[in-house]
Amino acid sequence: MKKISVSVSYDEEKLSTLRLYLEQKGLKVEDEVTKSLDTLYAKHVPAGVRAFLNLRSGNAKPPTPKVRKLNTEPKPNPEMTDHDREGEAKNPIPRM
């Protein structure tokens, strides 16, 4: 995608101080602001719109649909002992 510049007014002393501390960590203000914008984009733009824009720009392949698996195994009853479970497997009692 084509990139544009964004201009933001911010307190000069705060920005200088931020740059000082970020540089100590090997980071740049511009990179951190870009990460913040990406986070805002992911949070507020619906996933379908993001996918469409990615497809339109040629940056990504279409996402594969998510398939949910149904859990068909019954949950064990915490009050039953292993002995009870063995007996239930041999002589199942229909539940209502």
C-alpha atoms as a PDB file:
ATOM      1  CA  MET A   1       0.000   0.000   0.000  1.00  0.00           C
ATOM      2  CA  LYS A   2       1.018   3.574  -0.569  1.00  0.00           C
ATOM      3  CA  LYS A   3       2.321   5.288   2.569  1.00  0.00           C
ATOM      4  CA  ILE A   4       1.538   8.834   3.662  1.00  0.00           C
ATOM      5  CA  SER A   5       2.991  11.063   6.358  1.00  0.00           C
ATOM      6  CA  VAL A   6       0.986  11.988   9.443  1.00  0.00           C
ATOM      7  CA  SER A   7       1.694  15.158  11.372  1.00  0.00           C
ATOM      8  CA  VAL A   8       0.855  15.393  15.069  1.00  0.00           C
ATOM      9  CA  SER A   9       1.335  18.314  17.432  1.00  0.00           C
ATOM     10  CA  TYR A  10       2.977  17.265  20.689  1.00  0.00           C
ATOM     11  CA  ASP A  11       4.809  18.907  23.563  1.00  0.00           C
ATOM     12  CA  GLU A  12       8.438  19.481  22.503  1.00  0.00           C
ATOM     13  CA  GLU A  13      10.004  18.619  25.865  1.00  0.00           C
ATOM     14  CA  LYS A  14       7.984  15.428  26.209  1.00  0.00           C
ATOM     15  CA  LEU A  15       8.959  14.347  22.700  1.00  0.00           C
ATOM     16  CA  SER A  16      12.652  15.047  23.349  1.00  0.00           C
ATOM     17  CA  THR A  17      12.500  13.079  26.589  1.00  0.00           C
ATOM     18  CA  LEU A  18      10.674  10.215  24.895  1.00  0.00           C
ATOM     19  CA  ARG A  19      13.276  10.106  22.115  1.00  0.00           C
ATOM     20  CA  LEU A  20      16.075  10.039  24.699  1.00  0.00           C
ATOM     21  CA  TYR A  21      14.633   7.022  26.520  1.00  0.00           C
ATOM     22  CA  LEU A  22      13.604   5.166  23.389  1.00  0.00           C
ATOM     23  CA  GLU A  23      17.088   5.586  21.899  1.00  0.00           C
ATOM     24  CA  GLN A  24      18.540   3.945  25.009  1.00  0.00           C
ATOM     25  CA  LYS A  25      16.460   0.901  24.084  1.00  0.00           C
ATOM     26  CA  GLY A  26      17.365   1.112  20.394  1.00  0.00           C
ATOM     27  CA  LEU A  27      13.881   2.273  19.421  1.00  0.00           C
ATOM     28  CA  LYS A  28      12.542   5.193  17.373  1.00  0.00           C
ATOM     29  CA  VAL A  29       9.471   7.312  18.071  1.00  0.00           C
ATOM     30  CA  GLU A  30       8.317   6.914  14.466  1.00  0.00           C
ATOM     31  CA  ASP A  31       8.424   3.112  14.684  1.00  0.00           C
ATOM     32  CA  GLU A  32       6.533   3.102  17.974  1.00  0.00           C
ATOM     33  CA  VAL A  33       3.862   5.455  16.610  1.00  0.00           C
ATOM     34  CA  THR A  34       3.495   3.193  13.565  1.00  0.00           C
ATOM     35  CA  LYS A  35       2.998   0.183  15.867  1.00  0.00           C
ATOM     36  CA  SER A  36       0.374   2.139  17.822  1.00  0.00           C
ATOM     37  CA  LEU A  37      -1.460   3.051  14.616  1.00  0.00           C
ATOM     38  CA  ASP A  38      -1.383  -0.601  13.513  1.00  0.00           C
ATOM     39  CA  THR A  39      -2.885  -1.589  16.866  1.00  0.00           C
ATOM     40  CA  LEU A  40      -5.637   1.020  16.515  1.00  0.00           C
ATOM     41  CA  TYR A  41      -6.314  -0.162  12.963  1.00  0.00           C
ATOM     42  CA  ALA A  42      -6.616  -3.805  14.065  1.00  0.00           C
ATOM     43  CA  LYS A  43      -8.847  -2.855  17.009  1.00  0.00           C
ATOM     44  CA  HIS A  44     -11.300  -0.582  15.207  1.00  0.00           C
ATOM     45  CA  VAL A  45     -11.435  -1.720  11.559  1.00  0.00           C
ATOM     46  CA  PRO A  46     -13.553  -4.872  11.147  1.00  0.00           C
ATOM     47  CA  ALA A  47     -11.635  -8.014  10.134  1.00  0.00           C
ATOM     48  CA  GLY A  48     -13.598  -8.345   6.891  1.00  0.00           C
ATOM     49  CA  VAL A  49     -12.644  -4.825   5.821  1.00  0.00           C
ATOM     50  CA  ARG A  50      -8.975  -5.457   6.693  1.00  0.00           C
ATOM     51  CA  ALA A  51      -9.028  -8.692   4.666  1.00  0.00           C
ATOM     52  CA  PHE A  52     -10.614  -6.891   1.712  1.00  0.00           C
ATOM     53  CA  LEU A  53      -7.973  -4.160   1.776  1.00  0.00           C
ATOM     54  CA  ASN A  54      -5.198  -6.759   1.995  1.00  0.00           C
ATOM     55  CA  LEU A  55      -6.615  -8.615  -0.998  1.00  0.00           C
ATOM     56  CA  ARG A  56      -7.090  -5.411  -2.964  1.00  0.00           C
ATOM     57  CA  SER A  57      -3.512  -4.321  -2.328  1.00  0.00           C
ATOM     58  CA  GLY A  58      -2.123  -7.770  -3.089  1.00  0.00           C
ATOM     59  CA  ASN A  59      -0.520  -8.098   0.357  1.00  0.00           C
ATOM     60  CA  ALA A  60      -2.221 -11.277   1.454  1.00  0.00           C
ATOM     61  CA  LYS A  61      -4.027 -14.357   0.298  1.00  0.00           C
ATOM     62  CA  PRO A  62      -7.649 -14.853   1.329  1.00  0.00           C
ATOM     63  CA  PRO A  63      -7.970 -16.166   4.879  1.00  0.00           C
ATOM     64  CA  THR A  64      -8.988 -19.777   5.246  1.00  0.00           C
ATOM     65  CA  PRO A  65     -12.365 -20.195   6.918  1.00  0.00           C
ATOM     66  CA  LYS A  66     -12.192 -21.286  10.528  1.00  0.00           C
ATOM     67  CA  VAL A  67     -13.736 -24.667  11.199  1.00  0.00           C
ATOM     68  CA  ARG A  68     -14.972 -25.291  14.695  1.00  0.00           C
ATOM     69  CA  LYS A  69     -14.763 -28.819  16.012  1.00  0.00           C
ATOM     70  CA  LEU A  70     -17.625 -30.040  18.111  1.00  0.00           C
ATOM     71  CA  ASN A  71     -16.670 -31.736  21.335  1.00  0.00           C
ATOM     72  CA  THR A  72     -18.611 -35.004  21.210  1.00  0.00           C
ATOM     73  CA  GLU A  73     -16.971 -36.619  24.222  1.00  0.00           C
ATOM     74  CA  PRO A  74     -18.974 -36.326  27.436  1.00  0.00           C
ATOM     75  CA  LYS A  75     -17.379 -34.408  30.255  1.00  0.00           C
ATOM     76  CA  PRO A  76     -16.437 -36.617  33.195  1.00  0.00           C
ATOM     77  CA  ASN A  77     -18.533 -36.239  36.300  1.00  0.00           C
ATOM     78  CA  PRO A  78     -16.158 -35.054  39.052  1.00  0.00           C
ATOM     79  CA  GLU A  79     -18.223 -36.914  41.656  1.00  0.00           C
ATOM     80  CA  MET A  80     -17.670 -40.270  39.933  1.00  0.00           C
ATOM     81  CA  THR A  81     -14.698 -42.447  40.765  1.00  0.00           C
ATOM     82  CA  ASP A  82     -12.686 -44.404  38.212  1.00  0.00           C
ATOM     83  CA  HIS A  83     -14.505 -47.528  39.406  1.00  0.00           C
ATOM     84  CA  ASP A  84     -17.882 -45.862  38.694  1.00  0.00           C
ATOM     85  CA  ARG A  85     -16.736 -44.871  35.212  1.00  0.00           C
ATOM     86  CA  GLU A  86     -15.631 -48.425  34.403  1.00  0.00           C
ATOM     87  CA  GLY A  87     -19.006 -49.771  35.451  1.00  0.00           C
ATOM     88  CA  GLU A  88     -20.819 -47.111  33.436  1.00  0.00           C
ATOM     89  CA  ALA A  89     -18.872 -48.092  30.313  1.00  0.00           C
ATOM     90  CA  LYS A  90     -19.895 -51.745  30.743  1.00  0.00           C
ATOM     91  CA  ASN A  91     -23.545 -51.051  31.658  1.00  0.00           C
ATOM     92  CA  PRO A  92     -24.569 -47.678  30.320  1.00  0.00           C
ATOM     93  CA  ILE A  93     -27.677 -46.254  31.923  1.00  0.00           C
ATOM     94  CA  PRO A  94     -29.800 -44.094  29.655  1.00  0.00           C
ATOM     95  CA  ARG A  95     -29.922 -40.516  30.935  1.00  0.00           C
ATOM     96  CA  MET A  96     -33.038 -38.418  30.797  1.00  0.00           C
END
